[in-house]
Amino acid sequence: MAVSRTRSVALVGVSGRIVEIEADVGNGLAGIHLIGLPDTALSEARERVRSAMVNSHYPWPDARITVSLFPASLPKRGSQFDLAIAIAILGAAGVVPADRIAEPFFLGELGLDGRLRPVRGILPAVLGAAKTGRATVAVPAANAREAALVPDVQVIPVKDLRQLVEWLRTGEAPPQLDLSPGEAALPTTEKPSVDLSDVVGQPIGRRALEVCAAGGHNLWMLGPPGTGKTLLAERLPTLLPDLPLEHALEVTAIQSVAGVLPTSSPLVVRPPFVSPHHTATAAAMVGGGSTVLRPGAVSLAHRGTLFLDEAPEFPRQVLDSLRQPLESGSVTVARAVGTLTFPARFTLILAANPCPCSQPAGPGQACACSPTVRRRYIGRLSGPLLDRIDVKVTVSQANKRELMADRRFVESSAVVAARVLAARERTAKRLDGTPWRTNAEVSSAELHARFWPSEEAMKPVSAGLDTGSLSARGLDRIVRVAWTLADLADKDRPGEDETTGALALWLGVGG
């Protein structure tokens, strides 16, 4: 009887922390004791590990078994430690060589019959293991494609406990993945089910959508129902380019932790689109949980789009919770169980009707809401939140003649996406050497220091700043939109036309 050691990974938010697992089989009253701040799911690993070992035809030590998870001060949650605990016990019992299990990492939940079940958060866990160097990680076969996304890591797909133990005992070549190196990272090309050409009669809305896609700007659309606000918002992802590998890994790690990652395509290469219902709570929006802190909608929309349809119907507390992540690109969740920071850099789209009755004012359809009711309804969107919106567009009802005339000017998503990609490439060239990729991300200090337009170009907006109708933050956002308009027009710097167009979009009158 001796002590054996192996390693696993604990998830803290969307990052992995190395956990060393020690097992001691010695004299004393027979039983198994887990120490190291395990949660309920981990405490139940005693029975899962015992049944898996017995049903895999390995002897269960008739002795006192102590399993320690280090660092002891780090709370351990989840069932991904099952496999590492079983291997550590088998090493201490002499079933597998202790020197062969000291360096690899073991992740996975054990079934009672010894099968290895998939767990959430494999990608961030393997990323944490990769920080130690060229690591070897044993994972459930169902999670192997996801784990293979991490470079310079040897991934061992495991179907059951017996397969893994026999490999450790014999020293033969480990099980191999059924895919070539890097195959899991290849993007899958799927034809989108929606297209921008579906939206007719809203040329200003389509132009605003193109500007927001090119610069990463937030958008607010105000108009009566049936005018195409939701149609426009749902087609923004079709205009965005694929995520670079660095951003794709970030998004995939968040979705893996949240348990929403599709198994058919382990790497998320398209910007996510998240549209929560207006009954969502603040915890569902920004993240939280009573025992385990999970990412919310703002983090699931990281590097993508967060769409709030019928925005005034959301609780005021939920809407105001968006203000901090819109500025910082991250959200800090503080609960009794701990404090975690999740990434949350997204494009926000708000859609709102002008009044609660949602009836457009017109012949035979007079709105029954008083001006006071209208102001109170729109007033549910706070001023500080709207001040963080870059583009504001009023979407009006189109008649039959306007619909027919606009069909000649409608462009497909592929055509507009090509212009968006070209504009983003010009933006990336200008921002080379900085941590930003879009105009909306540029900090105010850097904007004033390096990218501020000339005084002549700023004349159209200077009056608004002097009269107090425009805040300093709003002025910065107008300049960022002007840079995007200049990038779409393939100009070196925004001129008076671009600044005026940015002001028009910000004021919601089109441009």
Protein backbone atom coordinates (compact mmCIF):
# COMPACT_ATOMS: atom_id res chain seq x y z
CA MET A 1 0.00 0.00 0.00
CA ALA A 2 1.31 3.44 -0.92
CA VAL A 3 0.42 6.93 -2.06
CA SER A 4 -0.10 7.72 -5.72
CA ARG A 5 -0.58 11.04 -7.45
CA THR A 6 -2.25 12.18 -10.65
CA ARG A 7 -3.71 15.40 -12.04
CA SER A 8 -7.00 16.86 -13.14
CA VAL A 9 -8.41 20.35 -13.82
CA ALA A 10 -10.97 22.40 -11.90
CA LEU A 11 -13.04 25.03 -13.69
CA VAL A 12 -13.11 28.52 -12.22
CA GLY A 13 -15.45 30.47 -14.44
CA VAL A 14 -14.14 29.89 -17.97
CA SER A 15 -10.55 29.13 -16.97
CA GLY A 16 -8.94 25.90 -15.77
CA ARG A 17 -6.92 25.45 -12.57
CA ILE A 18 -4.57 22.50 -12.12
CA VAL A 19 -5.65 20.11 -9.33
CA GLU A 20 -3.33 17.43 -7.96
CA ILE A 21 -5.15 14.33 -6.72
CA GLU A 22 -3.48 12.09 -4.15
CA ALA A 23 -4.78 8.71 -3.03
CA ASP A 24 -3.60 6.86 0.06
CA VAL A 25 -4.61 3.25 0.72
CA GLY A 26 -3.62 2.35 4.28
CA ASN A 27 -4.61 0.78 7.54
CA GLY A 28 -7.81 1.74 9.24
CA LEU A 29 -11.55 1.31 9.03
CA ALA A 30 -12.51 0.43 5.45
CA GLY A 31 -14.04 3.35 3.57
CA ILE A 32 -13.22 6.25 1.29
CA HIS A 33 -12.76 9.84 2.44
CA LEU A 34 -12.59 12.87 0.14
CA ILE A 35 -10.87 16.02 1.38
CA GLY A 36 -10.19 19.31 -0.39
CA LEU A 37 -13.50 21.24 -0.39
CA PRO A 38 -15.57 18.90 -2.60
CA ASP A 39 -19.15 19.83 -3.46
CA THR A 40 -22.14 17.48 -3.40
CA ALA A 41 -21.56 16.12 -6.92
CA LEU A 42 -17.93 15.41 -6.10
CA SER A 43 -18.77 13.81 -2.75
CA GLU A 44 -21.04 11.38 -4.59
CA ALA A 45 -18.02 10.27 -6.62
CA ARG A 46 -17.29 7.72 -3.88
CA GLU A 47 -20.12 5.45 -5.02
CA ARG A 48 -19.61 6.06 -8.73
CA VAL A 49 -15.90 5.26 -8.55
CA ARG A 50 -16.42 2.13 -6.42
CA SER A 51 -19.12 0.71 -8.70
CA ALA A 52 -17.13 1.54 -11.84
CA MET A 53 -14.02 -0.23 -10.54
CA VAL A 54 -15.90 -3.33 -9.35
CA ASN A 55 -17.93 -3.64 -12.56
CA SER A 56 -14.73 -3.22 -14.58
CA HIS A 57 -13.35 -6.28 -12.72
CA TYR A 58 -10.75 -4.46 -10.63
CA PRO A 59 -10.53 -5.13 -6.87
CA TRP A 60 -11.76 -2.48 -4.49
CA PRO A 61 -9.21 -2.08 -1.66
CA ASP A 62 -10.56 -3.39 1.65
CA ALA A 63 -8.79 -0.62 3.56
CA ARG A 64 -9.04 3.03 4.50
CA ILE A 65 -8.82 5.15 1.33
CA THR A 66 -8.07 8.84 1.61
CA VAL A 67 -8.31 11.03 -1.51
CA SER A 68 -6.93 14.57 -1.29
CA LEU A 69 -7.51 17.27 -3.87
CA PHE A 70 -4.85 20.00 -3.84
CA PRO A 71 -4.95 22.98 -3.49
CA ALA A 72 -7.23 22.34 -0.55
CA SER A 73 -8.40 25.97 -0.45
CA LEU A 74 -9.87 25.83 -3.98
CA PRO A 75 -13.52 24.68 -4.07
CA LYS A 76 -13.94 21.62 -6.34
CA ARG A 77 -17.23 21.26 -8.18
CA GLY A 78 -18.56 18.83 -10.74
CA SER A 79 -18.15 15.20 -11.70
CA GLN A 80 -15.14 15.62 -14.02
CA PHE A 81 -12.83 14.40 -11.22
CA ASP A 82 -14.28 10.85 -11.23
CA LEU A 83 -11.74 9.39 -13.64
CA ALA A 84 -8.74 10.98 -11.92
CA ILE A 85 -9.92 9.72 -8.50
CA ALA A 86 -10.35 6.19 -9.84
CA ILE A 87 -6.90 6.19 -11.47
CA ALA A 88 -5.28 7.54 -8.31
CA ILE A 89 -6.87 4.77 -6.20
CA LEU A 90 -5.81 2.11 -8.71
CA GLY A 91 -2.29 3.52 -8.60
CA ALA A 92 -2.18 3.41 -4.81
CA ALA A 93 -3.50 -0.17 -4.87
CA GLY A 94 -0.77 -1.24 -7.30
CA VAL A 95 -3.11 -2.04 -10.20
CA VAL A 96 -1.46 0.54 -12.49
CA PRO A 97 2.13 1.84 -12.30
CA ALA A 98 2.24 4.98 -10.18
CA ASP A 99 4.91 6.58 -12.37
CA ARG A 100 2.68 6.37 -15.47
CA ILE A 101 -0.21 8.33 -13.95
CA ALA A 102 1.76 11.17 -12.33
CA GLU A 103 2.03 13.43 -15.39
CA PRO A 104 -1.14 12.94 -17.52
CA PHE A 105 -4.42 14.70 -16.81
CA PHE A 106 -7.64 12.70 -16.42
CA LEU A 107 -11.08 14.21 -17.00
CA GLY A 108 -14.48 12.56 -17.16
CA GLU A 109 -17.50 11.27 -15.26
CA LEU A 110 -17.77 7.56 -14.58
CA GLY A 111 -20.91 5.51 -15.04
CA LEU A 112 -21.66 2.67 -12.64
CA ASP A 113 -20.65 0.16 -15.31
CA GLY A 114 -17.30 1.85 -15.92
CA ARG A 115 -18.27 3.80 -19.04
CA LEU A 116 -16.92 7.32 -19.33
CA ARG A 117 -19.56 9.99 -19.80
CA PRO A 118 -18.96 13.43 -21.37
CA VAL A 119 -18.73 16.51 -19.16
CA ARG A 120 -19.07 20.22 -19.82
CA GLY A 121 -16.12 22.59 -19.91
CA ILE A 122 -13.62 20.25 -21.56
CA LEU A 123 -12.08 22.96 -23.77
CA PRO A 124 -11.22 25.43 -20.96
CA ALA A 125 -10.03 22.50 -18.84
CA VAL A 126 -7.65 21.29 -21.56
CA LEU A 127 -6.51 24.88 -22.14
CA GLY A 128 -5.62 25.02 -18.44
CA ALA A 129 -3.70 21.76 -18.73
CA ALA A 130 -1.85 23.04 -21.80
CA LYS A 131 -0.30 25.84 -19.72
CA THR A 132 2.00 23.23 -18.15
CA GLY A 133 3.62 22.49 -21.51
CA ARG A 134 3.13 19.50 -23.78
CA ALA A 135 0.42 17.79 -21.76
CA THR A 136 -1.30 14.44 -22.16
CA VAL A 137 -5.02 14.52 -21.38
CA ALA A 138 -7.38 11.54 -21.15
CA VAL A 139 -10.97 12.61 -21.86
CA PRO A 140 -14.27 10.90 -22.66
CA ALA A 141 -14.47 9.82 -26.30
CA ALA A 142 -17.51 12.09 -26.78
CA ASN A 143 -15.39 15.11 -25.75
CA ALA A 144 -12.30 14.17 -27.76
CA ARG A 145 -13.01 16.41 -30.77
CA GLU A 146 -13.50 19.39 -28.49
CA ALA A 147 -10.28 18.66 -26.60
CA ALA A 148 -8.36 18.29 -29.89
CA LEU A 149 -8.92 21.98 -30.60
CA VAL A 150 -6.06 22.84 -28.23
CA PRO A 151 -2.68 22.66 -29.99
CA ASP A 152 0.36 20.83 -28.58
CA VAL A 153 -1.76 18.54 -26.40
CA GLN A 154 -1.92 14.76 -26.75
CA VAL A 155 -5.58 13.81 -26.42
CA ILE A 156 -6.45 10.23 -25.42
CA PRO A 157 -10.09 9.36 -26.11
CA VAL A 158 -11.42 6.93 -23.51
CA LYS A 159 -14.62 4.90 -23.82
CA ASP A 160 -14.51 3.16 -20.46
CA LEU A 161 -12.33 2.70 -17.40
CA ARG A 162 -11.06 -0.73 -18.44
CA GLN A 163 -9.73 0.55 -21.77
CA LEU A 164 -7.72 3.25 -20.00
CA VAL A 165 -6.39 0.95 -17.26
CA GLU A 166 -5.21 -1.68 -19.73
CA TRP A 167 -3.32 0.99 -21.68
CA LEU A 168 -1.66 2.22 -18.47
CA ARG A 169 -0.74 -1.33 -17.43
CA THR A 170 0.64 -2.58 -20.75
CA GLY A 171 2.41 0.56 -21.89
CA GLU A 172 1.14 0.12 -25.44
CA ALA A 173 0.31 2.98 -27.78
CA PRO A 174 -2.64 5.01 -26.47
CA PRO A 175 -6.01 5.03 -28.24
CA GLN A 176 -6.01 7.40 -31.19
CA LEU A 177 -8.53 9.96 -32.33
CA ASP A 178 -10.50 9.18 -35.47
CA LEU A 179 -9.53 12.48 -37.09
CA SER A 180 -6.42 14.01 -38.54
CA PRO A 181 -4.55 16.71 -36.58
CA GLY A 182 -6.42 19.98 -36.77
CA GLU A 183 -9.51 18.40 -38.37
CA ALA A 184 -11.66 19.37 -35.42
CA ALA A 185 -10.74 23.00 -35.96
CA LEU A 186 -11.93 23.10 -39.56
CA PRO A 187 -15.00 25.35 -39.87
CA THR A 188 -18.18 23.85 -41.22
CA THR A 189 -19.78 25.90 -43.97
CA GLU A 190 -23.54 26.00 -43.60
CA LYS A 191 -25.86 28.06 -45.72
CA PRO A 192 -27.72 30.52 -43.46
CA SER A 193 -31.47 30.14 -43.35
CA VAL A 194 -32.05 33.91 -43.52
CA ASP A 195 -30.77 36.62 -45.86
CA LEU A 196 -30.74 40.40 -45.82
CA SER A 197 -32.59 40.42 -49.14
CA ASP A 198 -35.67 39.21 -47.22
CA VAL A 199 -36.07 42.71 -45.74
CA VAL A 200 -37.82 45.06 -48.19
CA GLY A 201 -38.90 48.63 -47.62
CA GLN A 202 -36.31 49.54 -45.00
CA PRO A 203 -33.26 50.94 -46.82
CA ILE A 204 -32.21 53.01 -43.80
CA GLY A 205 -32.46 49.99 -41.54
CA ARG A 206 -30.35 47.88 -43.91
CA ARG A 207 -27.74 50.64 -44.12
CA ALA A 208 -27.64 50.94 -40.33
CA LEU A 209 -27.21 47.17 -40.07
CA GLU A 210 -24.24 47.31 -42.47
CA VAL A 211 -22.61 50.09 -40.45
CA CYS A 212 -23.09 48.18 -37.18
CA ALA A 213 -21.65 45.01 -38.70
CA ALA A 214 -18.60 46.85 -40.05
CA GLY A 215 -17.78 48.72 -36.85
CA GLY A 216 -19.25 46.54 -34.09
CA HIS A 217 -21.65 49.32 -33.05
CA ASN A 218 -24.74 48.96 -30.88
CA LEU A 219 -28.11 49.58 -32.53
CA TRP A 220 -31.53 50.78 -31.38
CA MET A 221 -34.53 50.45 -33.68
CA LEU A 222 -37.79 52.23 -32.84
CA GLY A 223 -40.94 51.70 -34.85
CA PRO A 224 -44.41 50.16 -34.99
CA PRO A 225 -44.83 46.38 -35.14
CA GLY A 226 -44.52 44.63 -38.48
CA THR A 227 -41.98 47.03 -39.95
CA GLY A 228 -39.06 44.57 -39.92
CA LYS A 229 -37.13 45.32 -36.73
CA THR A 230 -36.81 41.66 -35.77
CA LEU A 231 -36.07 40.66 -39.36
CA LEU A 232 -33.20 43.14 -39.48
CA ALA A 233 -31.73 42.04 -36.15
CA GLU A 234 -31.83 38.34 -37.05
CA ARG A 235 -29.88 39.03 -40.25
CA LEU A 236 -26.96 40.82 -38.62
CA PRO A 237 -25.01 37.54 -38.10
CA THR A 238 -25.15 36.89 -41.86
CA LEU A 239 -23.12 40.08 -42.42
CA LEU A 240 -20.36 39.29 -39.93
CA PRO A 241 -17.13 37.50 -40.91
CA ASP A 242 -16.02 34.24 -39.33
CA LEU A 243 -14.33 34.46 -35.96
CA PRO A 244 -10.53 34.28 -35.92
CA LEU A 245 -9.13 31.26 -34.09
CA GLU A 246 -8.36 33.22 -30.92
CA HIS A 247 -11.93 34.52 -30.65
CA ALA A 248 -13.41 31.18 -31.72
CA LEU A 249 -11.67 29.45 -28.81
CA GLU A 250 -13.00 32.08 -26.41
CA VAL A 251 -16.58 31.62 -27.60
CA THR A 252 -16.28 27.83 -27.65
CA ALA A 253 -14.92 27.77 -24.09
CA ILE A 254 -17.86 29.85 -22.81
CA GLN A 255 -20.44 27.67 -24.55
CA SER A 256 -18.68 24.55 -23.29
CA VAL A 257 -18.86 25.74 -19.69
CA ALA A 258 -22.51 26.68 -20.16
CA GLY A 259 -23.28 23.25 -21.60
CA VAL A 260 -24.71 24.56 -24.90
CA LEU A 261 -21.85 23.57 -27.20
CA PRO A 262 -23.09 21.35 -30.07
CA THR A 263 -21.24 18.05 -30.24
CA SER A 264 -21.42 17.96 -34.06
CA SER A 265 -19.25 21.08 -34.43
CA PRO A 266 -16.95 21.53 -31.42
CA LEU A 267 -15.41 24.80 -32.64
CA VAL A 268 -17.74 27.79 -32.90
CA VAL A 269 -16.56 29.71 -35.97
CA ARG A 270 -19.62 31.92 -36.45
CA PRO A 271 -20.42 34.89 -34.17
CA PRO A 272 -23.16 33.81 -31.74
CA PHE A 273 -26.63 35.34 -31.74
CA VAL A 274 -28.46 35.37 -28.40
CA SER A 275 -32.03 36.60 -27.99
CA PRO A 276 -33.35 36.13 -24.42
CA HIS A 277 -37.04 36.43 -23.59
CA HIS A 278 -38.19 39.62 -21.91
CA THR A 279 -38.97 37.65 -18.73
CA ALA A 280 -35.25 36.91 -18.22
CA THR A 281 -33.86 37.83 -14.82
CA ALA A 282 -30.73 39.83 -14.10
CA ALA A 283 -28.90 36.61 -13.16
CA ALA A 284 -29.87 35.02 -16.47
CA MET A 285 -28.62 38.10 -18.28
CA VAL A 286 -25.25 38.70 -16.61
CA GLY A 287 -24.63 35.27 -15.06
CA GLY A 288 -24.77 33.81 -11.59
CA GLY A 289 -26.04 30.83 -9.62
CA SER A 290 -26.57 29.74 -6.04
CA THR A 291 -23.85 27.07 -5.96
CA VAL A 292 -22.04 27.22 -9.32
CA LEU A 293 -21.55 30.50 -11.16
CA ARG A 294 -22.53 30.14 -14.81
CA PRO A 295 -22.15 32.65 -17.67
CA GLY A 296 -25.26 34.61 -18.62
CA ALA A 297 -26.67 35.85 -21.91
CA VAL A 298 -24.13 38.67 -22.21
CA SER A 299 -21.28 36.15 -22.05
CA LEU A 300 -22.97 33.65 -24.36
CA ALA A 301 -23.17 36.53 -26.86
CA HIS A 302 -19.43 37.24 -26.51
CA ARG A 303 -17.92 38.23 -29.90
CA GLY A 304 -21.45 38.12 -31.32
CA THR A 305 -24.85 39.79 -31.00
CA LEU A 306 -27.25 40.21 -28.09
CA PHE A 307 -30.75 41.06 -29.32
CA LEU A 308 -33.43 42.34 -26.94
CA ASP A 309 -36.76 42.33 -28.75
CA GLU A 310 -39.50 44.42 -27.13
CA ALA A 311 -36.76 46.02 -25.03
CA PRO A 312 -39.08 48.20 -22.86
CA GLU A 313 -40.79 45.01 -21.64
CA PHE A 314 -37.59 43.89 -19.92
CA PRO A 315 -37.34 44.80 -16.22
CA ARG A 316 -35.48 48.05 -15.60
CA GLN A 317 -32.92 46.25 -13.42
CA VAL A 318 -32.12 43.82 -16.25
CA LEU A 319 -31.65 46.60 -18.80
CA ASP A 320 -29.42 48.65 -16.52
CA SER A 321 -27.27 45.58 -15.81
CA LEU A 322 -26.05 45.87 -19.41
CA ARG A 323 -24.38 49.22 -18.88
CA GLN A 324 -21.19 47.94 -17.26
CA PRO A 325 -20.44 45.12 -19.75
CA LEU A 326 -21.14 47.47 -22.67
CA GLU A 327 -18.33 49.73 -21.45
CA SER A 328 -15.76 47.22 -20.20
CA GLY A 329 -16.39 44.17 -22.40
CA SER A 330 -16.62 41.94 -19.33
CA VAL A 331 -18.98 41.30 -16.44
CA THR A 332 -18.02 40.59 -12.83
CA VAL A 333 -20.47 38.37 -10.94
CA ALA A 334 -20.23 38.56 -7.14
CA ARG A 335 -22.10 35.97 -5.12
CA ALA A 336 -21.72 34.35 -1.72
CA VAL A 337 -19.93 31.38 -3.32
CA GLY A 338 -17.32 33.61 -4.95
CA THR A 339 -16.58 36.32 -7.50
CA LEU A 340 -15.88 35.58 -11.16
CA THR A 341 -15.30 37.70 -14.25
CA PHE A 342 -16.72 36.52 -17.57
CA PRO A 343 -15.90 38.03 -20.97
CA ALA A 344 -18.84 39.92 -22.48
CA ARG A 345 -17.88 41.96 -25.56
CA PHE A 346 -20.94 41.90 -27.77
CA THR A 347 -22.99 44.03 -30.15
CA LEU A 348 -26.29 45.05 -28.56
CA ILE A 349 -29.45 45.46 -30.63
CA LEU A 350 -32.56 46.91 -29.01
CA ALA A 351 -35.96 46.87 -30.73
CA ALA A 352 -38.91 48.80 -29.32
CA ASN A 353 -42.42 49.80 -30.24
CA PRO A 354 -43.26 53.49 -29.77
CA CYS A 355 -46.06 52.77 -27.26
CA PRO A 356 -47.60 49.94 -25.20
CA CYS A 357 -50.61 49.42 -27.50
CA SER A 358 -48.28 48.80 -30.47
CA GLN A 359 -50.76 50.27 -32.91
CA PRO A 360 -49.27 52.50 -35.63
CA ALA A 361 -50.77 55.94 -35.86
CA GLY A 362 -52.54 56.28 -39.18
CA PRO A 363 -55.93 56.42 -40.90
CA GLY A 364 -58.25 54.02 -39.12
CA GLN A 365 -55.51 52.92 -36.71
CA ALA A 366 -55.20 55.77 -34.27
CA CYS A 367 -53.00 55.06 -31.27
CA ALA A 368 -54.92 55.06 -28.00
CA CYS A 369 -51.89 56.01 -25.89
CA SER A 370 -51.47 59.51 -24.55
CA PRO A 371 -48.16 61.35 -24.93
CA THR A 372 -47.51 60.76 -21.23
CA VAL A 373 -47.98 57.01 -21.64
CA ARG A 374 -45.67 57.00 -24.66
CA ARG A 375 -42.94 58.87 -22.78
CA ARG A 376 -43.27 56.59 -19.78
CA TYR A 377 -43.04 53.49 -22.00
CA ILE A 378 -39.89 54.59 -23.83
CA GLY A 379 -38.58 55.94 -20.52
CA ARG A 380 -38.12 52.36 -19.36
CA LEU A 381 -34.90 52.51 -21.35
CA SER A 382 -32.70 54.66 -19.15
CA GLY A 383 -30.73 57.58 -20.50
CA PRO A 384 -27.33 56.10 -19.54
CA LEU A 385 -28.20 52.91 -21.45
CA LEU A 386 -29.32 54.77 -24.58
CA ASP A 387 -26.19 56.92 -24.36
CA ARG A 388 -24.21 53.72 -24.95
CA ILE A 389 -26.04 53.05 -28.22
CA ASP A 390 -24.02 54.09 -31.27
CA VAL A 391 -26.72 53.98 -33.97
CA LYS A 392 -30.38 54.90 -33.50
CA VAL A 393 -32.84 54.31 -36.31
CA THR A 394 -36.53 55.05 -36.60
CA VAL A 395 -38.19 52.29 -38.63
CA SER A 396 -41.41 53.49 -40.28
CA GLN A 397 -44.27 51.66 -41.94
CA ALA A 398 -43.72 51.24 -45.70
CA ASN A 399 -46.60 51.38 -48.18
CA LYS A 400 -47.04 49.19 -51.23
CA ARG A 401 -45.37 51.66 -53.61
CA GLU A 402 -42.29 51.94 -51.38
CA LEU A 403 -42.07 48.16 -51.05
CA MET A 404 -42.18 47.65 -54.79
CA ALA A 405 -39.67 50.43 -55.50
CA ASP A 406 -37.21 49.17 -52.87
CA ARG A 407 -36.99 45.68 -54.38
CA ARG A 408 -34.64 47.04 -57.05
CA PHE A 409 -32.12 48.14 -54.43
CA VAL A 410 -32.19 45.10 -52.13
CA GLU A 411 -28.83 43.33 -51.80
CA SER A 412 -28.09 39.86 -50.53
CA SER A 413 -26.20 39.18 -47.33
CA ALA A 414 -23.21 37.92 -49.33
CA VAL A 415 -22.84 41.23 -51.18
CA VAL A 416 -23.10 43.33 -48.03
CA ALA A 417 -20.87 40.94 -46.07
CA ALA A 418 -18.12 41.46 -48.67
CA ARG A 419 -18.23 45.22 -48.05
CA VAL A 420 -18.26 44.63 -44.30
CA LEU A 421 -15.21 42.38 -44.54
CA ALA A 422 -13.34 44.94 -46.64
CA ALA A 423 -14.17 47.70 -44.15
CA ARG A 424 -13.03 45.54 -41.23
CA GLU A 425 -9.76 44.80 -42.99
CA ARG A 426 -9.14 48.54 -43.40
CA THR A 427 -9.99 49.02 -39.72
CA ALA A 428 -7.63 46.23 -38.69
CA LYS A 429 -4.83 47.75 -40.76
CA ARG A 430 -5.30 51.13 -39.08
CA LEU A 431 -5.53 49.56 -35.60
CA ASP A 432 -2.55 47.27 -36.15
CA GLY A 433 -0.46 47.03 -32.99
CA THR A 434 -3.42 47.82 -30.70
CA PRO A 435 -5.65 45.37 -28.76
CA TRP A 436 -8.73 46.46 -30.74
CA ARG A 437 -10.22 44.99 -33.91
CA THR A 438 -13.26 47.22 -34.53
CA ASN A 439 -13.92 50.94 -34.27
CA ALA A 440 -16.43 50.43 -31.46
CA GLU A 441 -13.70 48.98 -29.22
CA VAL A 442 -11.26 51.90 -29.46
CA SER A 443 -10.84 53.63 -26.09
CA SER A 444 -11.72 57.28 -25.67
CA ALA A 445 -8.13 58.22 -24.76
CA GLU A 446 -6.74 56.64 -27.93
CA LEU A 447 -9.58 58.09 -29.98
CA HIS A 448 -8.70 61.65 -28.92
CA ALA A 449 -4.96 61.06 -29.19
CA ARG A 450 -4.70 59.39 -32.62
CA PHE A 451 -8.03 59.17 -34.41
CA TRP A 452 -9.81 62.49 -33.84
CA PRO A 453 -11.19 64.20 -37.00
CA SER A 454 -10.35 67.77 -37.94
CA GLU A 455 -12.10 70.74 -36.39
CA GLU A 456 -13.85 71.48 -39.68
CA ALA A 457 -15.28 67.97 -39.83
CA MET A 458 -16.47 68.23 -36.21
CA LYS A 459 -18.45 71.44 -36.73
CA PRO A 460 -21.82 69.65 -37.24
CA VAL A 461 -21.63 68.05 -33.78
CA SER A 462 -19.88 70.78 -31.80
CA ALA A 463 -23.12 72.69 -31.31
CA GLY A 464 -24.79 69.69 -29.69
CA LEU A 465 -21.93 69.37 -27.23
CA ASP A 466 -22.07 73.09 -26.39
CA THR A 467 -25.83 73.09 -25.76
CA GLY A 468 -25.71 69.95 -23.63
CA SER A 469 -27.93 67.88 -25.93
CA LEU A 470 -24.96 65.61 -26.62
CA SER A 471 -22.72 64.07 -23.96
CA ALA A 472 -18.98 63.61 -24.29
CA ARG A 473 -19.52 59.86 -24.49
CA GLY A 474 -22.08 60.37 -27.25
CA LEU A 475 -19.61 62.54 -29.14
CA ASP A 476 -16.99 59.81 -28.96
CA ARG A 477 -19.47 57.30 -30.31
CA ILE A 478 -20.32 59.58 -33.22
CA VAL A 479 -16.63 59.75 -34.10
CA ARG A 480 -16.35 55.96 -33.96
CA VAL A 481 -19.33 55.62 -36.31
CA ALA A 482 -17.75 58.23 -38.60
CA TRP A 483 -14.61 56.10 -38.79
CA THR A 484 -16.74 53.12 -39.78
CA LEU A 485 -18.47 55.16 -42.50
CA ALA A 486 -15.04 56.22 -43.76
CA ASP A 487 -13.88 52.59 -43.79
CA LEU A 488 -16.95 51.58 -45.77
CA ALA A 489 -16.21 54.42 -48.19
CA ASP A 490 -12.51 53.43 -48.34
CA LYS A 491 -11.19 56.76 -47.03
CA ASP A 492 -8.14 57.45 -44.90
CA ARG A 493 -9.94 59.72 -42.45
CA PRO A 494 -13.58 60.70 -41.84
CA GLY A 495 -14.54 64.00 -43.40
CA GLU A 496 -17.50 66.28 -42.86
CA ASP A 497 -19.82 63.99 -44.85
CA GLU A 498 -18.97 60.96 -42.72
CA THR A 499 -19.33 62.92 -39.48
CA THR A 500 -22.66 64.32 -40.59
CA GLY A 501 -23.81 60.84 -41.60
CA ALA A 502 -22.74 59.47 -38.23
CA LEU A 503 -24.67 62.22 -36.46
CA ALA A 504 -27.74 61.42 -38.55
CA LEU A 505 -27.56 57.75 -37.65
CA TRP A 506 -27.01 58.56 -33.98
CA LEU A 507 -30.04 60.89 -33.93
CA GLY A 508 -32.16 58.24 -35.64
CA VAL A 509 -33.03 60.14 -38.82
CA GLY A 510 -31.06 57.93 -41.22
CA GLY A 511 -28.14 58.84 -43.39
